[in-house]
Amino acid sequence: MVRKIVYITRIIDWWKYVIISILESGDLGLSQPANNTLSNNEIYGVIPYIAPEIFKGAAFSKESNIYSFNMIMWELTTGSKSYANIEHNVELIYEIIDGKRPEITNDTPECFANLMRKF
């Protein structure tokens, strides 16, 4: 039993290192297509991963990438797709703008949950 706890702790520590490394770089590459021009005002991406401020017209940023990464973390910790039971349409966009987020489950590691709550 002690071996399992040590093993799980090492996995969580490794994930914390990976997450911090990605967040410090500030670029998940999710924001725009590679051939994007500066004058392009279109939003690219999958609705659940796009930060609310982007839907409001803000530019892609480190913070919007962190939001996207948090959604990925939620999916990894729950084993579910975010907003799986909701149609991905304009109504979902308005709900995200209004603050709708997937519920953080009780079995989510505390370090992940704290990070997800920040954004």
Protein backbone atom coordinates (compact mmCIF):
# COMPACT_ATOMS: atom_id res chain seq x y z
CA MET A 1 0.00 0.00 0.00
CA VAL A 2 2.83 2.41 0.84
CA ARG A 3 4.41 1.72 -2.56
CA LYS A 4 1.18 2.69 -4.31
CA ILE A 5 0.98 5.95 -2.37
CA VAL A 6 4.60 6.80 -3.22
CA TYR A 7 3.99 5.93 -6.87
CA ILE A 8 0.83 8.05 -7.05
CA THR A 9 2.62 10.95 -5.32
CA ARG A 10 5.42 10.77 -7.90
CA ILE A 11 2.90 10.81 -10.74
CA ILE A 12 1.17 13.87 -9.27
CA ASP A 13 4.55 15.60 -8.78
CA TRP A 14 5.45 14.83 -12.39
CA TRP A 15 2.13 16.24 -13.62
CA LYS A 16 2.64 19.38 -11.52
CA TYR A 17 6.04 19.84 -13.18
CA VAL A 18 4.53 19.37 -16.66
CA ILE A 19 1.66 21.75 -15.93
CA ILE A 20 3.92 24.47 -14.51
CA SER A 21 6.26 24.14 -17.50
CA ILE A 22 3.40 24.54 -19.96
CA LEU A 23 1.84 27.42 -18.08
CA GLU A 24 5.14 29.27 -17.79
CA SER A 25 5.66 29.02 -21.55
CA GLY A 26 2.22 30.57 -22.00
CA ASP A 27 1.62 29.03 -25.42
CA LEU A 28 -0.43 25.91 -25.97
CA GLY A 29 -0.68 26.53 -29.68
CA LEU A 30 -4.48 26.38 -29.40
CA SER A 31 -5.26 29.98 -30.15
CA GLN A 32 -5.06 30.32 -33.90
CA PRO A 33 -4.04 28.49 -37.05
CA ALA A 34 -0.33 28.58 -37.90
CA ASN A 35 -0.90 30.67 -41.04
CA ASN A 36 -2.92 33.32 -39.18
CA THR A 37 -2.62 36.92 -40.31
CA LEU A 38 -2.76 39.77 -37.81
CA SER A 39 -5.91 41.23 -39.36
CA ASN A 40 -7.91 38.04 -38.85
CA ASN A 41 -10.62 38.56 -36.19
CA GLU A 42 -12.14 35.09 -36.39
CA ILE A 43 -12.14 32.78 -33.38
CA TYR A 44 -10.60 29.36 -33.95
CA GLY A 45 -11.03 26.39 -31.70
CA VAL A 46 -13.53 24.12 -30.03
CA ILE A 47 -16.10 25.99 -27.93
CA PRO A 48 -15.43 24.31 -24.54
CA TYR A 49 -11.72 25.17 -24.72
CA ILE A 50 -12.11 28.84 -25.64
CA ALA A 51 -11.85 31.34 -22.78
CA PRO A 52 -14.86 33.61 -22.16
CA GLU A 53 -12.86 36.78 -22.80
CA ILE A 54 -12.10 35.57 -26.34
CA PHE A 55 -15.83 35.28 -27.04
CA LYS A 56 -16.13 38.88 -25.80
CA GLY A 57 -13.58 40.06 -28.37
CA ALA A 58 -10.32 40.04 -26.39
CA ALA A 59 -7.10 38.89 -28.01
CA PHE A 60 -5.69 35.45 -27.32
CA SER A 61 -3.31 35.60 -24.38
CA LYS A 62 -1.39 33.56 -21.85
CA GLU A 63 -4.50 33.65 -19.64
CA SER A 64 -6.77 32.35 -22.40
CA ASN A 65 -4.32 29.52 -23.03
CA ILE A 66 -4.35 28.70 -19.30
CA TYR A 67 -8.16 28.53 -19.45
CA SER A 68 -7.89 26.07 -22.36
CA PHE A 69 -5.35 24.01 -20.47
CA ASN A 70 -7.62 23.94 -17.40
CA MET A 71 -10.39 22.46 -19.53
CA ILE A 72 -7.97 19.76 -20.71
CA MET A 73 -6.93 19.10 -17.09
CA TRP A 74 -10.59 18.73 -16.13
CA GLU A 75 -11.07 16.13 -18.87
CA LEU A 76 -7.95 14.24 -17.80
CA THR A 77 -8.96 14.14 -14.15
CA THR A 78 -12.59 13.14 -14.78
CA GLY A 79 -12.21 10.94 -17.84
CA SER A 80 -15.13 12.83 -19.41
CA LYS A 81 -15.51 15.39 -22.18
CA SER A 82 -16.42 18.86 -20.98
CA TYR A 83 -19.99 19.86 -21.76
CA ALA A 84 -20.59 16.41 -23.29
CA ASN A 85 -24.35 16.59 -22.68
CA ILE A 86 -24.75 20.10 -24.04
CA GLU A 87 -24.91 21.05 -27.70
CA HIS A 88 -21.85 23.07 -28.72
CA ASN A 89 -23.60 26.11 -30.11
CA VAL A 90 -24.18 29.81 -29.43
CA GLU A 91 -26.14 29.00 -26.26
CA LEU A 92 -23.09 27.26 -24.79
CA ILE A 93 -20.95 30.26 -25.70
CA TYR A 94 -23.29 32.55 -23.74
CA GLU A 95 -23.27 30.14 -20.79
CA ILE A 96 -19.44 30.13 -20.77
CA ILE A 97 -19.43 33.94 -20.91
CA ASP A 98 -21.83 33.93 -17.95
CA GLY A 99 -19.42 31.79 -15.92
CA LYS A 100 -20.53 28.21 -16.58
CA ARG A 101 -17.71 25.73 -15.90
CA PRO A 102 -17.65 21.97 -15.44
CA GLU A 103 -17.88 20.96 -11.79
CA ILE A 104 -14.55 19.96 -10.24
CA THR A 105 -14.98 16.45 -8.87
CA ASN A 106 -13.99 15.41 -5.34
CA ASP A 107 -11.35 12.99 -6.62
CA THR A 108 -9.45 15.71 -8.48
CA PRO A 109 -5.95 16.18 -6.99
CA GLU A 110 -6.02 19.33 -4.85
CA CYS A 111 -3.15 20.97 -6.76
CA PHE A 112 -5.13 20.61 -10.02
CA ALA A 113 -8.39 21.76 -8.42
CA ASN A 114 -6.73 24.90 -7.02
CA LEU A 115 -5.32 25.77 -10.42
CA MET A 116 -8.66 25.17 -12.15
CA ARG A 117 -10.47 27.41 -9.65
CA LYS A 118 -8.11 30.32 -10.38
CA PHE A 119 -9.22 30.73 -13.98
